[in-house]
Amino acid sequence: MPVAPRRRARPPKRKTRITIYLDDEVLDEFRLRAERTGTGYQTLINAALRTRLAVQEASASPA
């Protein structure tokens, strides 16, 4: 009897879909930067948030 090929296990979910309201000017700027760089605007927003969190965490850490 033939054996069915194994399916790949799904990778763990790493992102969550949300709804967020942004100022039009903020969204326009991210879309413009995305167009210039060839990167998705949501990817740029995520990167900006990660950078901000890292800076905030670094400044809160005792030296």
PDB file of N, CA and C in Angstrom:
ATOM      1  N   MET A   1       0.847  -1.170   0.000  1.00  0.00           N
ATOM      2  CA  MET A   1       0.000   0.000   0.000  1.00  0.00           C
ATOM      3  C   MET A   1       0.898   1.240   0.000  1.00  0.00           C
ATOM      4  N   PRO A   2       0.610   2.222  -0.902  1.00  0.00           N
ATOM      5  CA  PRO A   2       1.454   3.423  -0.957  1.00  0.00           C
ATOM      6  C   PRO A   2       1.296   4.279   0.300  1.00  0.00           C
ATOM      7  N   VAL A   3       2.395   4.906   0.655  1.00  0.00           N
ATOM      8  CA  VAL A   3       2.399   5.772   1.839  1.00  0.00           C
ATOM      9  C   VAL A   3       2.186   7.208   1.384  1.00  0.00           C
ATOM     10  N   ALA A   4       1.277   7.899   2.056  1.00  0.00           N
ATOM     11  CA  ALA A   4       1.008   9.303   1.730  1.00  0.00           C
ATOM     12  C   ALA A   4       2.210  10.151   2.127  1.00  0.00           C
ATOM     13  N   PRO A   5       2.540  11.143   1.297  1.00  0.00           N
ATOM     14  CA  PRO A   5       3.664  12.018   1.665  1.00  0.00           C
ATOM     15  C   PRO A   5       3.339  12.794   2.935  1.00  0.00           C
ATOM     16  N   ARG A   6       4.371  13.037   3.705  1.00  0.00           N
ATOM     17  CA  ARG A   6       4.180  13.800   4.945  1.00  0.00           C
ATOM     18  C   ARG A   6       3.925  15.260   4.632  1.00  0.00           C
ATOM     19  N   ARG A   7       3.044  15.820   5.393  1.00  0.00           N
ATOM     20  CA  ARG A   7       2.785  17.259   5.277  1.00  0.00           C
ATOM     21  C   ARG A   7       3.740  18.002   6.191  1.00  0.00           C
ATOM     22  N   ARG A   8       4.114  19.163   5.731  1.00  0.00           N
ATOM     23  CA  ARG A   8       4.948  20.005   6.592  1.00  0.00           C
ATOM     24  C   ARG A   8       4.095  20.536   7.733  1.00  0.00           C
ATOM     25  N   ALA A   9       4.678  20.562   8.896  1.00  0.00           N
ATOM     26  CA  ALA A   9       3.987  21.163  10.034  1.00  0.00           C
ATOM     27  C   ALA A   9       3.952  22.669   9.828  1.00  0.00           C
ATOM     28  N   ARG A  10       2.859  23.270  10.183  1.00  0.00           N
ATOM     29  CA  ARG A  10       2.761  24.729  10.061  1.00  0.00           C
ATOM     30  C   ARG A  10       3.686  25.387  11.068  1.00  0.00           C
ATOM     31  N   PRO A  11       4.394  26.410  10.633  1.00  0.00           N
ATOM     32  CA  PRO A  11       5.255  27.121  11.587  1.00  0.00           C
ATOM     33  C   PRO A  11       4.385  27.842  12.610  1.00  0.00           C
ATOM     34  N   PRO A  12       4.915  28.069  13.796  1.00  0.00           N
ATOM     35  CA  PRO A  12       4.119  28.773  14.802  1.00  0.00           C
ATOM     36  C   PRO A  12       3.747  30.170  14.312  1.00  0.00           C
ATOM     37  N   LYS A  13       2.558  30.593  14.665  1.00  0.00           N
ATOM     38  CA  LYS A  13       2.074  31.913  14.262  1.00  0.00           C
ATOM     39  C   LYS A  13       2.929  32.973  14.943  1.00  0.00           C
ATOM     40  N   ARG A  14       3.431  33.887  14.146  1.00  0.00           N
ATOM     41  CA  ARG A  14       4.337  34.895  14.695  1.00  0.00           C
ATOM     42  C   ARG A  14       3.756  36.291  14.665  1.00  0.00           C
ATOM     43  N   LYS A  15       2.646  36.470  13.982  1.00  0.00           N
ATOM     44  CA  LYS A  15       2.048  37.797  13.888  1.00  0.00           C
ATOM     45  C   LYS A  15       0.549  37.685  14.109  1.00  0.00           C
ATOM     46  N   THR A  16      -0.029  38.757  14.613  1.00  0.00           N
ATOM     47  CA  THR A  16      -1.459  38.810  14.872  1.00  0.00           C
ATOM     48  C   THR A  16      -2.059  39.941  14.071  1.00  0.00           C
ATOM     49  N   ARG A  17      -3.154  39.645  13.402  1.00  0.00           N
ATOM     50  CA  ARG A  17      -3.861  40.671  12.637  1.00  0.00           C
ATOM     51  C   ARG A  17      -4.653  41.551  13.610  1.00  0.00           C
ATOM     52  N   ILE A  18      -4.499  42.868  13.461  1.00  0.00           N
ATOM     53  CA  ILE A  18      -5.231  43.820  14.299  1.00  0.00           C
ATOM     54  C   ILE A  18      -5.800  44.924  13.420  1.00  0.00           C
ATOM     55  N   THR A  19      -6.661  45.712  14.014  1.00  0.00           N
ATOM     56  CA  THR A  19      -7.147  46.931  13.375  1.00  0.00           C
ATOM     57  C   THR A  19      -6.621  48.091  14.200  1.00  0.00           C
ATOM     58  N   ILE A  20      -6.036  49.068  13.533  1.00  0.00           N
ATOM     59  CA  ILE A  20      -5.471  50.224  14.225  1.00  0.00           C
ATOM     60  C   ILE A  20      -5.812  51.474  13.422  1.00  0.00           C
ATOM     61  N   TYR A  21      -6.133  52.522  14.117  1.00  0.00           N
ATOM     62  CA  TYR A  21      -6.415  53.796  13.464  1.00  0.00           C
ATOM     63  C   TYR A  21      -5.177  54.672  13.550  1.00  0.00           C
ATOM     64  N   LEU A  22      -4.712  55.143  12.394  1.00  0.00           N
ATOM     65  CA  LEU A  22      -3.546  56.014  12.314  1.00  0.00           C
ATOM     66  C   LEU A  22      -3.951  57.322  11.659  1.00  0.00           C
ATOM     67  N   ASP A  23      -3.236  58.381  11.995  1.00  0.00           N
ATOM     68  CA  ASP A  23      -3.456  59.654  11.310  1.00  0.00           C
ATOM     69  C   ASP A  23      -3.160  59.468   9.830  1.00  0.00           C
ATOM     70  N   ASP A  24      -3.928  60.136   8.989  1.00  0.00           N
ATOM     71  CA  ASP A  24      -3.731  60.022   7.544  1.00  0.00           C
ATOM     72  C   ASP A  24      -2.302  60.363   7.144  1.00  0.00           C
ATOM     73  N   GLU A  25      -1.741  61.398   7.776  1.00  0.00           N
ATOM     74  CA  GLU A  25      -0.392  61.829   7.428  1.00  0.00           C
ATOM     75  C   GLU A  25       0.638  60.758   7.772  1.00  0.00           C
ATOM     76  N   VAL A  26       0.437  60.076   8.882  1.00  0.00           N
ATOM     77  CA  VAL A  26       1.362  59.019   9.295  1.00  0.00           C
ATOM     78  C   VAL A  26       1.306  57.871   8.295  1.00  0.00           C
ATOM     79  N   LEU A  27       0.105  57.443   7.957  1.00  0.00           N
ATOM     80  CA  LEU A  27      -0.053  56.347   7.008  1.00  0.00           C
ATOM     81  C   LEU A  27       0.495  56.724   5.635  1.00  0.00           C
ATOM     82  N   ASP A  28       0.225  57.949   5.198  1.00  0.00           N
ATOM     83  CA  ASP A  28       0.746  58.411   3.905  1.00  0.00           C
ATOM     84  C   ASP A  28       2.272  58.356   3.877  1.00  0.00           C
ATOM     85  N   GLU A  29       2.898  58.769   4.972  1.00  0.00           N
ATOM     86  CA  GLU A  29       4.363  58.761   5.038  1.00  0.00           C
ATOM     87  C   GLU A  29       4.913  57.336   4.983  1.00  0.00           C
ATOM     88  N   PHE A  30       4.297  56.422   5.706  1.00  0.00           N
ATOM     89  CA  PHE A  30       4.764  55.035   5.661  1.00  0.00           C
ATOM     90  C   PHE A  30       4.552  54.431   4.280  1.00  0.00           C
ATOM     91  N   ARG A  31       3.448  54.746   3.641  1.00  0.00           N
ATOM     92  CA  ARG A  31       3.206  54.231   2.289  1.00  0.00           C
ATOM     93  C   ARG A  31       4.218  54.803   1.299  1.00  0.00           C
ATOM     94  N   LEU A  32       4.559  56.081   1.450  1.00  0.00           N
ATOM     95  CA  LEU A  32       5.556  56.705   0.585  1.00  0.00           C
ATOM     96  C   LEU A  32       6.922  56.046   0.779  1.00  0.00           C
ATOM     97  N   ARG A  33       7.305  55.851   2.040  1.00  0.00           N
ATOM     98  CA  ARG A  33       8.585  55.195   2.328  1.00  0.00           C
ATOM     99  C   ARG A  33       8.593  53.760   1.806  1.00  0.00           C
ATOM    100  N   ALA A  34       7.465  53.092   1.913  1.00  0.00           N
ATOM    101  CA  ALA A  34       7.359  51.717   1.417  1.00  0.00           C
ATOM    102  C   ALA A  34       7.554  51.675  -0.089  1.00  0.00           C
ATOM    103  N   GLU A  35       6.964  52.623  -0.770  1.00  0.00           N
ATOM    104  CA  GLU A  35       7.096  52.692  -2.229  1.00  0.00           C
ATOM    105  C   GLU A  35       8.550  52.933  -2.630  1.00  0.00           C
ATOM    106  N   ARG A  36       9.218  53.831  -1.893  1.00  0.00           N
ATOM    107  CA  ARG A  36      10.616  54.160  -2.191  1.00  0.00           C
ATOM    108  C   ARG A  36      11.551  52.982  -1.950  1.00  0.00           C
ATOM    109  N   THR A  37      11.270  52.214  -0.900  1.00  0.00           N
ATOM    110  CA  THR A  37      12.190  51.144  -0.513  1.00  0.00           C
ATOM    111  C   THR A  37      11.802  49.774  -1.057  1.00  0.00           C
ATOM    112  N   GLY A  38      10.584  49.658  -1.559  1.00  0.00           N
ATOM    113  CA  GLY A  38      10.125  48.363  -2.049  1.00  0.00           C
ATOM    114  C   GLY A  38       9.741  47.408  -0.933  1.00  0.00           C
ATOM    115  N   THR A  39       9.490  47.956   0.239  1.00  0.00           N
ATOM    116  CA  THR A  39       9.086  47.181   1.409  1.00  0.00           C
ATOM    117  C   THR A  39       7.627  47.491   1.698  1.00  0.00           C
ATOM    118  N   GLY A  40       6.911  46.552   2.269  1.00  0.00           N
ATOM    119  CA  GLY A  40       5.516  46.796   2.620  1.00  0.00           C
ATOM    120  C   GLY A  40       5.393  47.840   3.720  1.00  0.00           C
ATOM    121  N   TYR A  41       4.356  48.660   3.632  1.00  0.00           N
ATOM    122  CA  TYR A  41       4.196  49.711   4.644  1.00  0.00           C
ATOM    123  C   TYR A  41       3.924  49.116   6.023  1.00  0.00           C
ATOM    124  N   GLN A  42       3.236  47.989   6.084  1.00  0.00           N
ATOM    125  CA  GLN A  42       2.986  47.361   7.381  1.00  0.00           C
ATOM    126  C   GLN A  42       4.285  46.844   7.988  1.00  0.00           C
ATOM    127  N   THR A  43       5.173  46.367   7.153  1.00  0.00           N
ATOM    128  CA  THR A  43       6.487  45.921   7.616  1.00  0.00           C
ATOM    129  C   THR A  43       7.266  47.097   8.191  1.00  0.00           C
ATOM    130  N   LEU A  44       7.185  48.245   7.532  1.00  0.00           N
ATOM    131  CA  LEU A  44       7.881  49.442   8.026  1.00  0.00           C
ATOM    132  C   LEU A  44       7.290  49.929   9.346  1.00  0.00           C
ATOM    133  N   ILE A  45       5.971  49.886   9.464  1.00  0.00           N
ATOM    134  CA  ILE A  45       5.328  50.288  10.720  1.00  0.00           C
ATOM    135  C   ILE A  45       5.778  49.357  11.840  1.00  0.00           C
ATOM    136  N   ASN A  46       5.796  48.054  11.575  1.00  0.00           N
ATOM    137  CA  ASN A  46       6.227  47.080  12.579  1.00  0.00           C
ATOM    138  C   ASN A  46       7.672  47.338  12.998  1.00  0.00           C
ATOM    139  N   ALA A  47       8.537  47.617  12.030  1.00  0.00           N
ATOM    140  CA  ALA A  47       9.947  47.893  12.329  1.00  0.00           C
ATOM    141  C   ALA A  47      10.089  49.159  13.173  1.00  0.00           C
ATOM    142  N   ALA A  48       9.309  50.189  12.852  1.00  0.00           N
ATOM    143  CA  ALA A  48       9.364  51.437  13.618  1.00  0.00           C
ATOM    144  C   ALA A  48       8.911  51.206  15.060  1.00  0.00           C
ATOM    145  N   LEU A  49       7.887  50.410  15.237  1.00  0.00           N
ATOM    146  CA  LEU A  49       7.408  50.105  16.587  1.00  0.00           C
ATOM    147  C   LEU A  49       8.446  49.298  17.364  1.00  0.00           C
ATOM    148  N   ARG A  50       9.061  48.327  16.702  1.00  0.00           N
ATOM    149  CA  ARG A  50      10.095  47.529  17.366  1.00  0.00           C
ATOM    150  C   ARG A  50      11.284  48.405  17.785  1.00  0.00           C
ATOM    151  N   THR A  51      11.693  49.309  16.897  1.00  0.00           N
ATOM    152  CA  THR A  51      12.807  50.212  17.201  1.00  0.00           C
ATOM    153  C   THR A  51      12.469  51.079  18.401  1.00  0.00           C
ATOM    154  N   ARG A  52      11.281  51.617  18.409  1.00  0.00           N
ATOM    155  CA  ARG A  52      10.851  52.486  19.510  1.00  0.00           C
ATOM    156  C   ARG A  52      10.831  51.728  20.829  1.00  0.00           C
ATOM    157  N   LEU A  53      10.319  50.504  20.797  1.00  0.00           N
ATOM    158  CA  LEU A  53      10.288  49.696  22.013  1.00  0.00           C
ATOM    159  C   LEU A  53      11.693  49.374  22.507  1.00  0.00           C
ATOM    160  N   ALA A  54      12.605  49.080  21.594  1.00  0.00           N
ATOM    161  CA  ALA A  54      13.985  48.768  21.973  1.00  0.00           C
ATOM    162  C   ALA A  54      14.669  49.980  22.598  1.00  0.00           C
ATOM    163  N   VAL A  55      14.456  51.146  22.017  1.00  0.00           N
ATOM    164  CA  VAL A  55      15.047  52.379  22.556  1.00  0.00           C
ATOM    165  C   VAL A  55      14.486  52.658  23.942  1.00  0.00           C
ATOM    166  N   GLN A  56      13.189  52.508  24.081  1.00  0.00           N
ATOM    167  CA  GLN A  56      12.535  52.760  25.362  1.00  0.00           C
ATOM    168  C   GLN A  56      13.039  51.776  26.421  1.00  0.00           C
ATOM    169  N   GLU A  57      13.179  50.515  26.042  1.00  0.00           N
ATOM    170  CA  GLU A  57      13.659  49.501  26.977  1.00  0.00           C
ATOM    171  C   GLU A  57      15.105  49.771  27.383  1.00  0.00           C
ATOM    172  N   ALA A  58      15.928  50.169  26.416  1.00  0.00           N
ATOM    173  CA  ALA A  58      17.338  50.449  26.703  1.00  0.00           C
ATOM    174  C   ALA A  58      17.483  51.636  27.648  1.00  0.00           C
ATOM    175  N   SER A  59      16.643  52.642  27.482  1.00  0.00           N
ATOM    176  CA  SER A  59      16.749  53.819  28.344  1.00  0.00           C
ATOM    177  C   SER A  59      16.191  53.544  29.735  1.00  0.00           C
ATOM    178  N   ALA A  60      15.351  52.528  29.875  1.00  0.00           N
ATOM    179  CA  ALA A  60      14.781  52.186  31.171  1.00  0.00           C
ATOM    180  C   ALA A  60      15.670  51.228  31.952  1.00  0.00           C
ATOM    181  N   SER A  61      16.598  50.555  31.267  1.00  0.00           N
ATOM    182  CA  SER A  61      17.480  49.584  31.922  1.00  0.00           C
ATOM    183  C   SER A  61      18.518  50.303  32.764  1.00  0.00           C
ATOM    184  N   PRO A  62      18.795  49.765  33.955  1.00  0.00           N
ATOM    185  CA  PRO A  62      19.849  50.386  34.771  1.00  0.00           C
ATOM    186  C   PRO A  62      21.217  50.180  34.124  1.00  0.00           C
ATOM    187  N   ALA A  63      22.031  51.193  34.182  1.00  0.00           N
ATOM    188  CA  ALA A  63      23.353  51.138  33.536  1.00  0.00           C
ATOM    189  C   ALA A  63      24.388  50.537  34.429  1.00  0.00           C
TER     190      ALA A  63
END
